[in-house]
Amino acid sequence: MIDEKREKPLDCFIEVSINLEENKNGVSYKEINPFMEEVLKFKNINVIGFMMMAIKNDTYDDILKQFKALKYLKERVEKDFNIKLPYLSMGMSDDYKEAIEAGSTHVRLGRILWNL
């Protein structure tokens, strides 16, 4: 387990499943509070934010709605646990614009960089 192997805290994002897609991993948004209760007990895991992947090939508005749902969830968890989660990692090469509009602080770009 990470908590036992680390000598100092490791900054981590929690992957959240907003859409409950079977082919993607992450903590279900429905289970985020019990999950956070457990992970916050670890002294060497420092949760700095949430991350997610949107459903591919959705419309701009649908993707934006998914990202905004994660931002809302992050804000709710901050309030529920009286913590600060400064980062949101949302968006990849196909949907980084929607992610930035929704408040993402980190985007994961790959293929798009080769097409410049």
PDB file of N, CA and C in Angstrom:
ATOM      1  N   MET A   1       0.838  -1.172   0.000  1.00  0.00           N
ATOM      2  CA  MET A   1       0.000   0.000   0.000  1.00  0.00           C
ATOM      3  C   MET A   1       0.892   1.248   0.000  1.00  0.00           C
ATOM      4  N   ILE A   2       0.464   2.261  -0.731  1.00  0.00           N
ATOM      5  CA  ILE A   2       1.251   3.481  -0.870  1.00  0.00           C
ATOM      6  C   ILE A   2       1.557   4.103   0.487  1.00  0.00           C
ATOM      7  N   ASP A   3       0.568   4.164   1.342  1.00  0.00           N
ATOM      8  CA  ASP A   3       0.739   4.832   2.636  1.00  0.00           C
ATOM      9  C   ASP A   3       1.876   4.217   3.441  1.00  0.00           C
ATOM     10  N   GLU A   4       2.040   2.914   3.359  1.00  0.00           N
ATOM     11  CA  GLU A   4       3.083   2.225   4.121  1.00  0.00           C
ATOM     12  C   GLU A   4       4.455   2.329   3.463  1.00  0.00           C
ATOM     13  N   LYS A   5       4.500   2.478   2.150  1.00  0.00           N
ATOM     14  CA  LYS A   5       5.769   2.497   1.410  1.00  0.00           C
ATOM     15  C   LYS A   5       6.396   3.887   1.344  1.00  0.00           C
ATOM     16  N   ARG A   6       5.615   4.914   1.569  1.00  0.00           N
ATOM     17  CA  ARG A   6       6.107   6.279   1.446  1.00  0.00           C
ATOM     18  C   ARG A   6       6.741   6.769   2.742  1.00  0.00           C
ATOM     19  N   GLU A   7       7.813   7.535   2.593  1.00  0.00           N
ATOM     20  CA  GLU A   7       8.430   8.187   3.752  1.00  0.00           C
ATOM     21  C   GLU A   7       7.834   9.571   3.970  1.00  0.00           C
ATOM     22  N   LYS A   8       7.327  10.170   2.907  1.00  0.00           N
ATOM     23  CA  LYS A   8       6.670  11.466   3.014  1.00  0.00           C
ATOM     24  C   LYS A   8       5.403  11.426   2.153  1.00  0.00           C
ATOM     25  N   PRO A   9       4.466  12.329   2.401  1.00  0.00           N
ATOM     26  CA  PRO A   9       3.189  12.296   1.688  1.00  0.00           C
ATOM     27  C   PRO A   9       3.336  12.427   0.169  1.00  0.00           C
ATOM     28  N   LEU A  10       2.482  11.705  -0.529  1.00  0.00           N
ATOM     29  CA  LEU A  10       2.425  11.726  -1.986  1.00  0.00           C
ATOM     30  C   LEU A  10       1.152  12.450  -2.408  1.00  0.00           C
ATOM     31  N   ASP A  11       1.299  13.485  -3.236  1.00  0.00           N
ATOM     32  CA  ASP A  11       0.140  14.190  -3.766  1.00  0.00           C
ATOM     33  C   ASP A  11      -0.574  13.287  -4.772  1.00  0.00           C
ATOM     34  N   CYS A  12      -1.885  13.147  -4.633  1.00  0.00           N
ATOM     35  CA  CYS A  12      -2.662  12.240  -5.478  1.00  0.00           C
ATOM     36  C   CYS A  12      -3.967  12.872  -5.927  1.00  0.00           C
ATOM     37  N   PHE A  13      -4.362  12.537  -7.143  1.00  0.00           N
ATOM     38  CA  PHE A  13      -5.702  12.824  -7.637  1.00  0.00           C
ATOM     39  C   PHE A  13      -6.542  11.574  -7.410  1.00  0.00           C
ATOM     40  N   ILE A  14      -7.811  11.750  -7.115  1.00  0.00           N
ATOM     41  CA  ILE A  14      -8.747  10.643  -7.025  1.00  0.00           C
ATOM     42  C   ILE A  14      -9.529  10.620  -8.339  1.00  0.00           C
ATOM     43  N   GLU A  15      -9.491   9.495  -9.041  1.00  0.00           N
ATOM     44  CA  GLU A  15     -10.283   9.368 -10.259  1.00  0.00           C
ATOM     45  C   GLU A  15     -11.730   9.099  -9.861  1.00  0.00           C
ATOM     46  N   VAL A  16     -12.629   9.912 -10.389  1.00  0.00           N
ATOM     47  CA  VAL A  16     -14.049   9.807 -10.069  1.00  0.00           C
ATOM     48  C   VAL A  16     -14.818   9.396 -11.311  1.00  0.00           C
ATOM     49  N   SER A  17     -15.725   8.465 -11.121  1.00  0.00           N
ATOM     50  CA  SER A  17     -16.606   8.036 -12.199  1.00  0.00           C
ATOM     51  C   SER A  17     -17.901   8.820 -12.104  1.00  0.00           C
ATOM     52  N   ILE A  18     -18.009   9.861 -12.900  1.00  0.00           N
ATOM     53  CA  ILE A  18     -19.217  10.675 -12.939  1.00  0.00           C
ATOM     54  C   ILE A  18     -20.300   9.974 -13.755  1.00  0.00           C
ATOM     55  N   ASN A  19     -19.884   9.313 -14.827  1.00  0.00           N
ATOM     56  CA  ASN A  19     -20.825   8.713 -15.772  1.00  0.00           C
ATOM     57  C   ASN A  19     -21.116   7.242 -15.506  1.00  0.00           C
ATOM     58  N   LEU A  20     -20.422   6.649 -14.564  1.00  0.00           N
ATOM     59  CA  LEU A  20     -20.596   5.240 -14.195  1.00  0.00           C
ATOM     60  C   LEU A  20     -20.441   4.304 -15.393  1.00  0.00           C
ATOM     61  N   GLU A  21     -19.508   4.636 -16.277  1.00  0.00           N
ATOM     62  CA  GLU A  21     -19.225   3.776 -17.428  1.00  0.00           C
ATOM     63  C   GLU A  21     -18.486   2.523 -16.961  1.00  0.00           C
ATOM     64  N   GLU A  22     -18.908   1.387 -17.443  1.00  0.00           N
ATOM     65  CA  GLU A  22     -18.286   0.124 -17.035  1.00  0.00           C
ATOM     66  C   GLU A  22     -16.859  -0.018 -17.527  1.00  0.00           C
ATOM     67  N   ASN A  23     -16.516   0.621 -18.636  1.00  0.00           N
ATOM     68  CA  ASN A  23     -15.180   0.474 -19.209  1.00  0.00           C
ATOM     69  C   ASN A  23     -14.164   1.473 -18.643  1.00  0.00           C
ATOM     70  N   LYS A  24     -14.579   2.259 -17.641  1.00  0.00           N
ATOM     71  CA  LYS A  24     -13.657   3.209 -17.018  1.00  0.00           C
ATOM     72  C   LYS A  24     -13.585   2.937 -15.525  1.00  0.00           C
ATOM     73  N   ASN A  25     -12.444   3.259 -14.960  1.00  0.00           N
ATOM     74  CA  ASN A  25     -12.227   3.072 -13.529  1.00  0.00           C
ATOM     75  C   ASN A  25     -12.566   4.348 -12.772  1.00  0.00           C
ATOM     76  N   GLY A  26     -12.442   4.267 -11.495  1.00  0.00           N
ATOM     77  CA  GLY A  26     -12.658   5.434 -10.653  1.00  0.00           C
ATOM     78  C   GLY A  26     -13.697   5.149  -9.593  1.00  0.00           C
ATOM     79  N   VAL A  27     -13.686   5.997  -8.593  1.00  0.00           N
ATOM     80  CA  VAL A  27     -14.647   5.899  -7.511  1.00  0.00           C
ATOM     81  C   VAL A  27     -15.964   6.476  -8.000  1.00  0.00           C
ATOM     82  N   SER A  28     -17.032   5.748  -7.824  1.00  0.00           N
ATOM     83  CA  SER A  28     -18.349   6.247  -8.205  1.00  0.00           C
ATOM     84  C   SER A  28     -18.642   7.534  -7.458  1.00  0.00           C
ATOM     85  N   TYR A  29     -19.216   8.492  -8.163  1.00  0.00           N
ATOM     86  CA  TYR A  29     -19.575   9.740  -7.484  1.00  0.00           C
ATOM     87  C   TYR A  29     -20.525   9.462  -6.321  1.00  0.00           C
ATOM     88  N   LYS A  30     -21.271   8.370  -6.398  1.00  0.00           N
ATOM     89  CA  LYS A  30     -22.195   8.009  -5.324  1.00  0.00           C
ATOM     90  C   LYS A  30     -21.463   7.545  -4.066  1.00  0.00           C
ATOM     91  N   GLU A  31     -20.228   7.082  -4.228  1.00  0.00           N
ATOM     92  CA  GLU A  31     -19.452   6.524  -3.111  1.00  0.00           C
ATOM     93  C   GLU A  31     -18.289   7.411  -2.673  1.00  0.00           C
ATOM     94  N   ILE A  32     -18.254   8.646  -3.172  1.00  0.00           N
ATOM     95  CA  ILE A  32     -17.085   9.478  -2.917  1.00  0.00           C
ATOM     96  C   ILE A  32     -16.923   9.826  -1.434  1.00  0.00           C
ATOM     97  N   ASN A  33     -17.995  10.097  -0.725  1.00  0.00           N
ATOM     98  CA  ASN A  33     -17.832  10.460   0.688  1.00  0.00           C
ATOM     99  C   ASN A  33     -17.278   9.313   1.527  1.00  0.00           C
ATOM    100  N   PRO A  34     -17.825   8.090   1.440  1.00  0.00           N
ATOM    101  CA  PRO A  34     -17.211   6.990   2.202  1.00  0.00           C
ATOM    102  C   PRO A  34     -15.754   6.736   1.790  1.00  0.00           C
ATOM    103  N   PHE A  35     -15.469   6.885   0.502  1.00  0.00           N
ATOM    104  CA  PHE A  35     -14.097   6.704   0.031  1.00  0.00           C
ATOM    105  C   PHE A  35     -13.186   7.761   0.654  1.00  0.00           C
ATOM    106  N   MET A  36     -13.618   9.013   0.636  1.00  0.00           N
ATOM    107  CA  MET A  36     -12.800  10.087   1.200  1.00  0.00           C
ATOM    108  C   MET A  36     -12.599   9.890   2.696  1.00  0.00           C
ATOM    109  N   GLU A  37     -13.605   9.423   3.396  1.00  0.00           N
ATOM    110  CA  GLU A  37     -13.452   9.149   4.828  1.00  0.00           C
ATOM    111  C   GLU A  37     -12.285   8.208   5.075  1.00  0.00           C
ATOM    112  N   GLU A  38     -12.159   7.204   4.232  1.00  0.00           N
ATOM    113  CA  GLU A  38     -11.078   6.219   4.391  1.00  0.00           C
ATOM    114  C   GLU A  38      -9.730   6.774   3.942  1.00  0.00           C
ATOM    115  N   VAL A  39      -9.679   7.390   2.782  1.00  0.00           N
ATOM    116  CA  VAL A  39      -8.389   7.843   2.247  1.00  0.00           C
ATOM    117  C   VAL A  39      -7.797   8.974   3.092  1.00  0.00           C
ATOM    118  N   LEU A  40      -8.635   9.781   3.707  1.00  0.00           N
ATOM    119  CA  LEU A  40      -8.123  10.875   4.537  1.00  0.00           C
ATOM    120  C   LEU A  40      -7.491  10.388   5.830  1.00  0.00           C
ATOM    121  N   LYS A  41      -7.651   9.127   6.146  1.00  0.00           N
ATOM    122  CA  LYS A  41      -7.009   8.544   7.330  1.00  0.00           C
ATOM    123  C   LYS A  41      -5.526   8.258   7.095  1.00  0.00           C
ATOM    124  N   PHE A  42      -5.111   8.155   5.833  1.00  0.00           N
ATOM    125  CA  PHE A  42      -3.727   7.821   5.517  1.00  0.00           C
ATOM    126  C   PHE A  42      -2.833   9.045   5.664  1.00  0.00           C
ATOM    127  N   LYS A  43      -1.738   8.892   6.384  1.00  0.00           N
ATOM    128  CA  LYS A  43      -0.855  10.033   6.628  1.00  0.00           C
ATOM    129  C   LYS A  43       0.056  10.339   5.447  1.00  0.00           C
ATOM    130  N   ASN A  44       0.281   9.392   4.560  1.00  0.00           N
ATOM    131  CA  ASN A  44       1.200   9.607   3.449  1.00  0.00           C
ATOM    132  C   ASN A  44       0.515   9.699   2.092  1.00  0.00           C
ATOM    133  N   ILE A  45      -0.773   9.943   2.103  1.00  0.00           N
ATOM    134  CA  ILE A  45      -1.517  10.213   0.869  1.00  0.00           C
ATOM    135  C   ILE A  45      -2.171  11.578   1.033  1.00  0.00           C
ATOM    136  N   ASN A  46      -1.807  12.480   0.170  1.00  0.00           N
ATOM    137  CA  ASN A  46      -2.319  13.843   0.212  1.00  0.00           C
ATOM    138  C   ASN A  46      -3.206  14.060  -1.015  1.00  0.00           C
ATOM    139  N   VAL A  47      -4.513  14.005  -0.827  1.00  0.00           N
ATOM    140  CA  VAL A  47      -5.443  14.199  -1.940  1.00  0.00           C
ATOM    141  C   VAL A  47      -5.442  15.672  -2.322  1.00  0.00           C
ATOM    142  N   ILE A  48      -5.081  15.948  -3.587  1.00  0.00           N
ATOM    143  CA  ILE A  48      -4.999  17.335  -4.059  1.00  0.00           C
ATOM    144  C   ILE A  48      -6.127  17.690  -5.018  1.00  0.00           C
ATOM    145  N   GLY A  49      -6.907  16.691  -5.421  1.00  0.00           N
ATOM    146  CA  GLY A  49      -8.000  16.990  -6.341  1.00  0.00           C
ATOM    147  C   GLY A  49      -8.603  15.742  -6.943  1.00  0.00           C
ATOM    148  N   PHE A  50      -9.510  15.972  -7.863  1.00  0.00           N
ATOM    149  CA  PHE A  50     -10.206  14.893  -8.567  1.00  0.00           C
ATOM    150  C   PHE A  50      -9.839  14.921 -10.035  1.00  0.00           C
ATOM    151  N   MET A  51     -10.002  13.775 -10.667  1.00  0.00           N
ATOM    152  CA  MET A  51      -9.781  13.672 -12.111  1.00  0.00           C
ATOM    153  C   MET A  51     -10.879  12.815 -12.716  1.00  0.00           C
ATOM    154  N   MET A  52     -11.109  12.976 -14.022  1.00  0.00           N
ATOM    155  CA  MET A  52     -12.098  12.168 -14.726  1.00  0.00           C
ATOM    156  C   MET A  52     -11.863  12.225 -16.221  1.00  0.00           C
ATOM    157  N   MET A  53     -12.522  11.313 -16.913  1.00  0.00           N
ATOM    158  CA  MET A  53     -12.552  11.315 -18.377  1.00  0.00           C
ATOM    159  C   MET A  53     -14.013  11.376 -18.796  1.00  0.00           C
ATOM    160  N   ALA A  54     -14.305  12.235 -19.761  1.00  0.00           N
ATOM    161  CA  ALA A  54     -15.669  12.374 -20.265  1.00  0.00           C
ATOM    162  C   ALA A  54     -15.992  11.236 -21.239  1.00  0.00           C
ATOM    163  N   ILE A  55     -17.271  11.077 -21.507  1.00  0.00           N
ATOM    164  CA  ILE A  55     -17.697  10.099 -22.512  1.00  0.00           C
ATOM    165  C   ILE A  55     -17.261  10.600 -23.880  1.00  0.00           C
ATOM    166  N   LYS A  56     -16.586   9.744 -24.623  1.00  0.00           N
ATOM    167  CA  LYS A  56     -16.123  10.117 -25.968  1.00  0.00           C
ATOM    168  C   LYS A  56     -17.304  10.340 -26.898  1.00  0.00           C
ATOM    169  N   ASN A  57     -17.131  11.257 -27.807  1.00  0.00           N
ATOM    170  CA  ASN A  57     -18.085  11.530 -28.875  1.00  0.00           C
ATOM    171  C   ASN A  57     -19.396  12.141 -28.400  1.00  0.00           C
ATOM    172  N   ASP A  58     -19.458  12.621 -27.174  1.00  0.00           N
ATOM    173  CA  ASP A  58     -20.619  13.382 -26.736  1.00  0.00           C
ATOM    174  C   ASP A  58     -20.535  14.786 -27.325  1.00  0.00           C
ATOM    175  N   THR A  59     -21.612  15.524 -27.251  1.00  0.00           N
ATOM    176  CA  THR A  59     -21.617  16.895 -27.754  1.00  0.00           C
ATOM    177  C   THR A  59     -20.834  17.798 -26.813  1.00  0.00           C
ATOM    178  N   TYR A  60     -20.489  18.964 -27.299  1.00  0.00           N
ATOM    179  CA  TYR A  60     -19.771  19.949 -26.487  1.00  0.00           C
ATOM    180  C   TYR A  60     -20.515  20.199 -25.181  1.00  0.00           C
ATOM    181  N   ASP A  61     -21.827  20.433 -25.283  1.00  0.00           N
ATOM    182  CA  ASP A  61     -22.624  20.733 -24.090  1.00  0.00           C
ATOM    183  C   ASP A  61     -22.689  19.553 -23.125  1.00  0.00           C
ATOM    184  N   ASP A  62     -22.790  18.337 -23.651  1.00  0.00           N
ATOM    185  CA  ASP A  62     -22.846  17.158 -22.784  1.00  0.00           C
ATOM    186  C   ASP A  62     -21.519  16.950 -22.052  1.00  0.00           C
ATOM    187  N   ILE A  63     -20.422  17.149 -22.754  1.00  0.00           N
ATOM    188  CA  ILE A  63     -19.104  17.014 -22.124  1.00  0.00           C
ATOM    189  C   ILE A  63     -18.917  18.101 -21.067  1.00  0.00           C
ATOM    190  N   LEU A  64     -19.310  19.310 -21.400  1.00  0.00           N
ATOM    191  CA  LEU A  64     -19.219  20.419 -20.450  1.00  0.00           C
ATOM    192  C   LEU A  64     -20.020  20.099 -19.190  1.00  0.00           C
ATOM    193  N   LYS A  65     -21.189  19.538 -19.355  1.00  0.00           N
ATOM    194  CA  LYS A  65     -22.043  19.168 -18.219  1.00  0.00           C
ATOM    195  C   LYS A  65     -21.362  18.128 -17.329  1.00  0.00           C
ATOM    196  N   GLN A  66     -20.680  17.158 -17.940  1.00  0.00           N
ATOM    197  CA  GLN A  66     -19.962  16.135 -17.169  1.00  0.00           C
ATOM    198  C   GLN A  66     -18.852  16.771 -16.338  1.00  0.00           C
ATOM    199  N   PHE A  67     -18.081  17.650 -16.963  1.00  0.00           N
ATOM    200  CA  PHE A  67     -16.980  18.298 -16.255  1.00  0.00           C
ATOM    201  C   PHE A  67     -17.493  19.209 -15.138  1.00  0.00           C
ATOM    202  N   LYS A  68     -18.576  19.909 -15.393  1.00  0.00           N
ATOM    203  CA  LYS A  68     -19.152  20.771 -14.360  1.00  0.00           C
ATOM    204  C   LYS A  68     -19.670  19.936 -13.188  1.00  0.00           C
ATOM    205  N   ALA A  69     -20.142  18.730 -13.469  1.00  0.00           N
ATOM    206  CA  ALA A  69     -20.607  17.841 -12.396  1.00  0.00           C
ATOM    207  C   ALA A  69     -19.448  17.471 -11.469  1.00  0.00           C
ATOM    208  N   LEU A  70     -18.267  17.233 -12.044  1.00  0.00           N
ATOM    209  CA  LEU A  70     -17.114  16.917 -11.202  1.00  0.00           C
ATOM    210  C   LEU A  70     -16.696  18.130 -10.379  1.00  0.00           C
ATOM    211  N   LYS A  71     -16.733  19.301 -10.989  1.00  0.00           N
ATOM    212  CA  LYS A  71     -16.376  20.510 -10.246  1.00  0.00           C
ATOM    213  C   LYS A  71     -17.336  20.708  -9.069  1.00  0.00           C
ATOM    214  N   TYR A  72     -18.616  20.514  -9.308  1.00  0.00           N
ATOM    215  CA  TYR A  72     -19.607  20.635  -8.237  1.00  0.00           C
ATOM    216  C   TYR A  72     -19.340  19.604  -7.136  1.00  0.00           C
ATOM    217  N   LEU A  73     -19.041  18.371  -7.533  1.00  0.00           N
ATOM    218  CA  LEU A  73     -18.755  17.317  -6.561  1.00  0.00           C
ATOM    219  C   LEU A  73     -17.540  17.684  -5.715  1.00  0.00           C
ATOM    220  N   LYS A  74     -16.497  18.194  -6.355  1.00  0.00           N
ATOM    221  CA  LYS A  74     -15.289  18.614  -5.632  1.00  0.00           C
ATOM    222  C   LYS A  74     -15.636  19.679  -4.595  1.00  0.00           C
ATOM    223  N   GLU A  75     -16.430  20.645  -4.985  1.00  0.00           N
ATOM    224  CA  GLU A  75     -16.809  21.719  -4.065  1.00  0.00           C
ATOM    225  C   GLU A  75     -17.644  21.179  -2.901  1.00  0.00           C
ATOM    226  N   ARG A  76     -18.503  20.218  -3.184  1.00  0.00           N
ATOM    227  CA  ARG A  76     -19.314  19.617  -2.126  1.00  0.00           C
ATOM    228  C   ARG A  76     -18.447  18.835  -1.145  1.00  0.00           C
ATOM    229  N   VAL A  77     -17.478  18.081  -1.667  1.00  0.00           N
ATOM    230  CA  VAL A  77     -16.576  17.304  -0.807  1.00  0.00           C
ATOM    231  C   VAL A  77     -15.719  18.243   0.041  1.00  0.00           C
ATOM    232  N   GLU A  78     -15.242  19.326  -0.545  1.00  0.00           N
ATOM    233  CA  GLU A  78     -14.475  20.301   0.230  1.00  0.00           C
ATOM    234  C   GLU A  78     -15.293  20.795   1.427  1.00  0.00           C
ATOM    235  N   LYS A  79     -16.542  21.087   1.175  1.00  0.00           N
ATOM    236  CA  LYS A  79     -17.423  21.577   2.247  1.00  0.00           C
ATOM    237  C   LYS A  79     -17.721  20.476   3.261  1.00  0.00           C
ATOM    238  N   ASP A  80     -18.049  19.284   2.783  1.00  0.00           N
ATOM    239  CA  ASP A  80     -18.396  18.171   3.676  1.00  0.00           C
ATOM    240  C   ASP A  80     -17.256  17.792   4.614  1.00  0.00           C
ATOM    241  N   PHE A  81     -16.007  17.871   4.111  1.00  0.00           N
ATOM    242  CA  PHE A  81     -14.856  17.429   4.899  1.00  0.00           C
ATOM    243  C   PHE A  81     -13.996  18.580   5.406  1.00  0.00           C
ATOM    244  N   ASN A  82     -14.396  19.801   5.111  1.00  0.00           N
ATOM    245  CA  ASN A  82     -13.638  20.969   5.518  1.00  0.00           C
ATOM    246  C   ASN A  82     -12.174  20.863   5.079  1.00  0.00           C
ATOM    247  N   ILE A  83     -12.007  20.566   3.793  1.00  0.00           N
ATOM    248  CA  ILE A  83     -10.674  20.449   3.200  1.00  0.00           C
ATOM    249  C   ILE A  83     -10.621  21.301   1.943  1.00  0.00           C
ATOM    250  N   LYS A  84      -9.434  21.481   1.418  1.00  0.00           N
ATOM    251  CA  LYS A  84      -9.253  22.193   0.152  1.00  0.00           C
ATOM    252  C   LYS A  84      -8.660  21.223  -0.858  1.00  0.00           C
ATOM    253  N   LEU A  85      -9.324  21.079  -1.983  1.00  0.00           N
ATOM    254  CA  LEU A  85      -8.832  20.280  -3.102  1.00  0.00           C
ATOM    255  C   LEU A  85      -8.574  21.264  -4.243  1.00  0.00           C
ATOM    256  N   PRO A  86      -7.336  21.722  -4.392  1.00  0.00           N
ATOM    257  CA  PRO A  86      -7.070  22.827  -5.310  1.00  0.00           C
ATOM    258  C   PRO A  86      -7.099  22.482  -6.802  1.00  0.00           C
ATOM    259  N   TYR A  87      -7.104  21.198  -7.139  1.00  0.00           N
ATOM    260  CA  TYR A  87      -6.949  20.848  -8.554  1.00  0.00           C
ATOM    261  C   TYR A  87      -8.067  19.969  -9.095  1.00  0.00           C
ATOM    262  N   LEU A  88      -8.340  20.173 -10.388  1.00  0.00           N
ATOM    263  CA  LEU A  88      -9.244  19.323 -11.151  1.00  0.00           C
ATOM    264  C   LEU A  88      -8.524  18.936 -12.434  1.00  0.00           C
ATOM    265  N   SER A  89      -8.363  17.656 -12.655  1.00  0.00           N
ATOM    266  CA  SER A  89      -7.728  17.165 -13.873  1.00  0.00           C
ATOM    267  C   SER A  89      -8.824  16.588 -14.773  1.00  0.00           C
ATOM    268  N   MET A  90      -9.202  17.378 -15.747  1.00  0.00           N
ATOM    269  CA  MET A  90     -10.254  16.983 -16.678  1.00  0.00           C
ATOM    270  C   MET A  90      -9.818  17.409 -18.070  1.00  0.00           C
ATOM    271  N   GLY A  91     -10.159  16.622 -19.043  1.00  0.00           N
ATOM    272  CA  GLY A  91      -9.904  17.007 -20.423  1.00  0.00           C
ATOM    273  C   GLY A  91      -8.682  16.353 -21.006  1.00  0.00           C
ATOM    274  N   MET A  92      -8.858  15.971 -22.259  1.00  0.00           N
ATOM    275  CA  MET A  92      -7.775  15.371 -23.039  1.00  0.00           C
ATOM    276  C   MET A  92      -7.768  16.058 -24.401  1.00  0.00           C
ATOM    277  N   SER A  93      -7.064  15.508 -25.344  1.00  0.00           N
ATOM    278  CA  SER A  93      -6.908  16.160 -26.643  1.00  0.00           C
ATOM    279  C   SER A  93      -8.242  16.504 -27.307  1.00  0.00           C
ATOM    280  N   ASP A  94      -9.265  15.663 -27.143  1.00  0.00           N
ATOM    281  CA  ASP A  94     -10.538  15.898 -27.818  1.00  0.00           C
ATOM    282  C   ASP A  94     -11.483  16.836 -27.077  1.00  0.00           C
ATOM    283  N   ASP A  95     -11.257  17.048 -25.776  1.00  0.00           N
ATOM    284  CA  ASP A  95     -12.232  17.833 -25.016  1.00  0.00           C
ATOM    285  C   ASP A  95     -11.592  18.822 -24.040  1.00  0.00           C
ATOM    286  N   TYR A  96     -10.382  19.231 -24.321  1.00  0.00           N
ATOM    287  CA  TYR A  96      -9.694  20.136 -23.408  1.00  0.00           C
ATOM    288  C   TYR A  96     -10.379  21.503 -23.323  1.00  0.00           C
ATOM    289  N   LYS A  97     -11.027  21.937 -24.414  1.00  0.00           N
ATOM    290  CA  LYS A  97     -11.703  23.242 -24.387  1.00  0.00           C
ATOM    291  C   LYS A  97     -12.873  23.227 -23.405  1.00  0.00           C
ATOM    292  N   GLU A  98     -13.656  22.165 -23.433  1.00  0.00           N
ATOM    293  CA  GLU A  98     -14.768  22.025 -22.503  1.00  0.00           C
ATOM    294  C   GLU A  98     -14.248  21.962 -21.065  1.00  0.00           C
ATOM    295  N   ALA A  99     -13.142  21.237 -20.881  1.00  0.00           N
ATOM    296  CA  ALA A  99     -12.556  21.087 -19.544  1.00  0.00           C
ATOM    297  C   ALA A  99     -12.102  22.434 -18.991  1.00  0.00           C
ATOM    298  N   ILE A 100     -11.434  23.204 -19.798  1.00  0.00           N
ATOM    299  CA  ILE A 100     -10.963  24.520 -19.352  1.00  0.00           C
ATOM    300  C   ILE A 100     -12.147  25.415 -19.022  1.00  0.00           C
ATOM    301  N   GLU A 101     -13.171  25.379 -19.867  1.00  0.00           N
ATOM    302  CA  GLU A 101     -14.365  26.186 -19.604  1.00  0.00           C
ATOM    303  C   GLU A 101     -15.032  25.795 -18.280  1.00  0.00           C
ATOM    304  N   ALA A 102     -14.982  24.509 -17.941  1.00  0.00           N
ATOM    305  CA  ALA A 102     -15.612  24.011 -16.716  1.00  0.00           C
ATOM    306  C   ALA A 102     -14.750  24.212 -15.476  1.00  0.00           C
ATOM    307  N   GLY A 103     -13.500  24.645 -15.637  1.00  0.00           N
ATOM    308  CA  GLY A 103     -12.663  24.931 -14.478  1.00  0.00           C
ATOM    309  C   GLY A 103     -11.503  23.981 -14.250  1.00  0.00           C
ATOM    310  N   SER A 104     -11.134  23.196 -15.248  1.00  0.00           N
ATOM    311  CA  SER A 104     -10.007  22.278 -15.101  1.00  0.00           C
ATOM    312  C   SER A 104      -8.713  23.050 -14.841  1.00  0.00           C
ATOM    313  N   THR A 105      -7.899  22.522 -13.940  1.00  0.00           N
ATOM    314  CA  THR A 105      -6.580  23.110 -13.691  1.00  0.00           C
ATOM    315  C   THR A 105      -5.487  22.318 -14.383  1.00  0.00           C
ATOM    316  N   HIS A 106      -5.800  21.094 -14.798  1.00  0.00           N
ATOM    317  CA  HIS A 106      -4.854  20.226 -15.489  1.00  0.00           C
ATOM    318  C   HIS A 106      -5.580  19.554 -16.651  1.00  0.00           C
ATOM    319  N   VAL A 107      -4.923  19.505 -17.814  1.00  0.00           N
ATOM    320  CA  VAL A 107      -5.437  18.739 -18.951  1.00  0.00           C
ATOM    321  C   VAL A 107      -4.352  17.773 -19.390  1.00  0.00           C
ATOM    322  N   ARG A 108      -4.781  16.651 -19.955  1.00  0.00           N
ATOM    323  CA  ARG A 108      -3.839  15.629 -20.416  1.00  0.00           C
ATOM    324  C   ARG A 108      -3.845  15.646 -21.942  1.00  0.00           C
ATOM    325  N   LEU A 109      -2.780  16.165 -22.508  1.00  0.00           N
ATOM    326  CA  LEU A 109      -2.685  16.296 -23.957  1.00  0.00           C
ATOM    327  C   LEU A 109      -1.645  15.332 -24.492  1.00  0.00           C
ATOM    328  N   GLY A 110      -1.937  14.720 -25.593  1.00  0.00           N
ATOM    329  CA  GLY A 110      -1.012  13.797 -26.229  1.00  0.00           C
ATOM    330  C   GLY A 110      -1.060  13.990 -27.735  1.00  0.00           C
ATOM    331  N   ARG A 111      -1.980  13.292 -28.357  1.00  0.00           N
ATOM    332  CA  ARG A 111      -2.110  13.283 -29.822  1.00  0.00           C
ATOM    333  C   ARG A 111      -2.195  14.682 -30.410  1.00  0.00           C
ATOM    334  N   ILE A 112      -2.910  15.588 -29.747  1.00  0.00           N
ATOM    335  CA  ILE A 112      -3.090  16.936 -30.292  1.00  0.00           C
ATOM    336  C   ILE A 112      -1.767  17.681 -30.456  1.00  0.00           C
ATOM    337  N   LEU A 113      -0.794  17.364 -29.627  1.00  0.00           N
ATOM    338  CA  LEU A 113       0.501  18.047 -29.708  1.00  0.00           C
ATOM    339  C   LEU A 113       1.253  17.668 -30.973  1.00  0.00           C
ATOM    340  N   TRP A 114       1.008  16.493 -31.501  1.00  0.00           N
ATOM    341  CA  TRP A 114       1.675  16.065 -32.721  1.00  0.00           C
ATOM    342  C   TRP A 114       1.003  16.597 -33.968  1.00  0.00           C
ATOM    343  N   ASN A 115      -0.200  17.130 -33.822  1.00  0.00           N
ATOM    344  CA  ASN A 115      -0.963  17.630 -34.970  1.00  0.00           C
ATOM    345  C   ASN A 115      -0.875  19.140 -35.118  1.00  0.00           C
ATOM    346  N   LEU A 116       0.028  19.784 -34.397  1.00  0.00           N
ATOM    347  CA  LEU A 116       0.137  21.252 -34.471  1.00  0.00           C
ATOM    348  C   LEU A 116       0.799  21.690 -35.739  1.00  0.00           C
TER     349      LEU A 116
END
